[in-house]
Amino acid sequence: MSAGALILLLVVASVAIVTNVTLYIFRLVLGSSGTRELVNEGAVLAETGIEFPRFLFCGKWKVSYYEIAGAELVPFPKSLGLRLGYPSAISFPGGSWDFRRPTVVLKFKSRPLFPYRLVAPSDPERFVERLNSYISALARR
């Protein structure tokens, strides 16, 4: 084996090892910080509001139920315009787009810059039903 091939093999092996160690540490951090469910679902309904993962899953972004005007299920063809118009408003599980599932579109009351948030939880019908029941319970108070 030539010296060039040996160096290339060592570089590729080193990159593979560093990548695996980094991913392992990232998974440990996600598990210890309690954001594993949040990353898997794309959004979680909490007691006081909805939690979304932040950029690169570094922490949680919380929105109160008072700030949400409503939620609706939208099939993929109709949500494509929103996905293209508001790319920063997308919160999909693990960053994936499952085209077979409907997208949940959350509309905020007072956010002129980002009026929508797109979410694709594992059970979108149940998510919308629970969210709308929380919002209607708050409206009755």
Protein backbone atom coordinates (compact mmCIF):
# COMPACT_ATOMS: atom_id res chain seq x y z
CA MET A 1 0.00 0.00 0.00
CA SER A 2 1.36 3.40 -0.96
CA ALA A 3 1.86 6.23 1.51
CA GLY A 4 -0.91 8.33 -0.12
CA ALA A 5 -3.47 5.54 0.22
CA LEU A 6 -2.50 4.98 3.86
CA ILE A 7 -2.89 8.68 4.66
CA LEU A 8 -6.29 8.75 2.92
CA LEU A 9 -7.41 5.69 4.87
CA LEU A 10 -6.31 7.27 8.16
CA VAL A 11 -8.14 10.53 7.35
CA VAL A 12 -11.38 8.72 6.46
CA ALA A 13 -11.18 6.54 9.57
CA SER A 14 -10.50 9.59 11.76
CA VAL A 15 -13.49 11.45 10.33
CA ALA A 16 -15.71 8.41 10.91
CA ILE A 17 -14.59 8.09 14.53
CA VAL A 18 -15.05 11.80 15.26
CA THR A 19 -18.51 11.73 13.65
CA ASN A 20 -19.63 8.70 15.68
CA VAL A 21 -18.35 10.14 18.95
CA THR A 22 -20.04 13.48 18.24
CA LEU A 23 -23.38 11.80 17.48
CA TYR A 24 -23.11 9.66 20.61
CA ILE A 25 -22.47 12.73 22.78
CA PHE A 26 -25.34 14.58 21.06
CA ARG A 27 -27.74 11.71 21.86
CA LEU A 28 -26.57 11.65 25.48
CA VAL A 29 -27.19 15.39 25.80
CA LEU A 30 -30.67 15.07 24.26
CA GLY A 31 -31.54 12.24 26.63
CA SER A 32 -30.30 14.05 29.73
CA SER A 33 -31.94 17.38 28.88
CA GLY A 34 -35.40 15.84 28.44
CA THR A 35 -35.80 16.93 24.83
CA ARG A 36 -35.94 13.45 23.28
CA GLU A 37 -39.77 13.47 23.01
CA LEU A 38 -39.65 17.02 21.69
CA VAL A 39 -37.21 16.06 18.95
CA ASN A 40 -39.21 12.93 18.05
CA GLU A 41 -42.57 14.74 17.86
CA GLY A 42 -41.59 18.20 16.59
CA ALA A 43 -43.82 19.83 19.25
CA VAL A 44 -45.16 18.86 22.67
CA LEU A 45 -48.28 20.08 24.47
CA ALA A 46 -47.28 21.12 27.98
CA GLU A 47 -49.33 22.51 30.88
CA THR A 48 -48.98 26.17 29.98
CA GLY A 49 -48.30 26.02 26.24
CA ILE A 50 -46.61 24.30 23.35
CA GLU A 51 -42.90 23.53 23.31
CA PHE A 52 -40.88 23.47 20.07
CA PRO A 53 -37.24 22.51 19.58
CA ARG A 54 -34.87 25.39 18.94
CA PHE A 55 -32.38 25.53 16.11
CA LEU A 56 -30.23 22.36 16.07
CA PHE A 57 -32.39 21.08 18.94
CA CYS A 58 -30.51 23.26 21.45
CA GLY A 59 -33.19 23.90 24.03
CA LYS A 60 -36.91 24.51 23.92
CA TRP A 61 -39.01 27.38 22.62
CA LYS A 62 -42.29 27.78 24.52
CA VAL A 63 -45.49 29.45 23.30
CA SER A 64 -48.39 30.06 25.65
CA TYR A 65 -51.84 28.80 24.70
CA TYR A 66 -53.03 32.41 24.99
CA GLU A 67 -50.86 33.33 21.99
CA ILE A 68 -52.41 30.69 19.71
CA ALA A 69 -55.44 31.65 17.63
CA GLY A 70 -56.10 28.12 16.42
CA ALA A 71 -54.83 24.96 14.81
CA GLU A 72 -55.95 23.06 11.76
CA LEU A 73 -54.97 20.00 9.77
CA VAL A 74 -53.83 20.74 6.25
CA PRO A 75 -52.93 18.06 3.68
CA PHE A 76 -49.55 18.31 2.02
CA PRO A 77 -50.55 19.94 -1.27
CA LYS A 78 -52.26 22.81 0.53
CA SER A 79 -49.50 23.24 3.11
CA LEU A 80 -46.79 23.43 0.44
CA GLY A 81 -47.40 27.16 -0.02
CA LEU A 82 -46.95 27.76 3.70
CA ARG A 83 -43.85 25.57 3.76
CA LEU A 84 -42.30 27.61 0.97
CA GLY A 85 -43.52 30.96 2.29
CA TYR A 86 -42.45 30.42 5.90
CA PRO A 87 -39.48 28.01 5.83
CA SER A 88 -38.31 29.09 9.29
CA ALA A 89 -41.70 28.15 10.74
CA ILE A 90 -41.28 24.44 10.10
CA SER A 91 -40.97 22.09 13.08
CA PHE A 92 -40.90 18.52 11.89
CA PRO A 93 -39.78 15.50 13.90
CA GLY A 94 -36.07 15.10 13.45
CA GLY A 95 -36.25 17.58 10.60
CA SER A 96 -38.07 15.10 8.35
CA TRP A 97 -41.06 15.71 6.11
CA ASP A 98 -43.53 12.86 6.04
CA PHE A 99 -45.72 13.64 3.04
CA ARG A 100 -48.29 10.99 3.95
CA ARG A 101 -49.29 12.75 7.17
CA PRO A 102 -51.23 15.99 7.28
CA THR A 103 -49.43 19.05 8.58
CA VAL A 104 -50.72 20.91 11.63
CA VAL A 105 -50.78 24.65 11.00
CA LEU A 106 -50.70 26.77 14.15
CA LYS A 107 -51.82 30.36 13.76
CA PHE A 108 -50.60 32.89 16.30
CA LYS A 109 -52.56 35.92 17.46
CA SER A 110 -49.83 38.53 17.76
CA ARG A 111 -46.79 37.52 15.75
CA PRO A 112 -46.72 39.62 12.57
CA LEU A 113 -43.29 38.38 11.47
CA PHE A 114 -44.06 34.65 11.85
CA PRO A 115 -47.86 34.23 11.97
CA TYR A 116 -47.75 30.45 11.39
CA ARG A 117 -45.91 27.44 12.74
CA LEU A 118 -46.02 24.14 10.87
CA VAL A 119 -45.82 20.96 12.92
CA ALA A 120 -46.00 17.28 11.93
CA PRO A 121 -46.54 15.24 15.11
CA SER A 122 -46.90 11.46 14.98
CA ASP A 123 -50.68 11.70 15.56
CA PRO A 124 -51.77 15.03 14.03
CA GLU A 125 -55.52 14.52 14.52
CA ARG A 126 -55.12 13.90 18.26
CA PHE A 127 -52.67 16.81 18.56
CA VAL A 128 -55.15 19.27 16.99
CA GLU A 129 -58.02 17.90 19.06
CA ARG A 130 -56.11 18.29 22.34
CA LEU A 131 -54.76 21.72 21.39
CA ASN A 132 -58.17 23.07 20.41
CA SER A 133 -59.66 21.73 23.66
CA TYR A 134 -56.95 23.58 25.64
CA ILE A 135 -57.60 26.79 23.71
CA SER A 136 -61.38 26.55 24.14
CA ALA A 137 -60.99 25.84 27.87
CA LEU A 138 -58.90 28.99 28.21
CA ALA A 139 -61.47 31.00 26.26
CA ARG A 140 -64.24 29.90 28.65
CA ARG A 141 -62.35 31.20 31.69
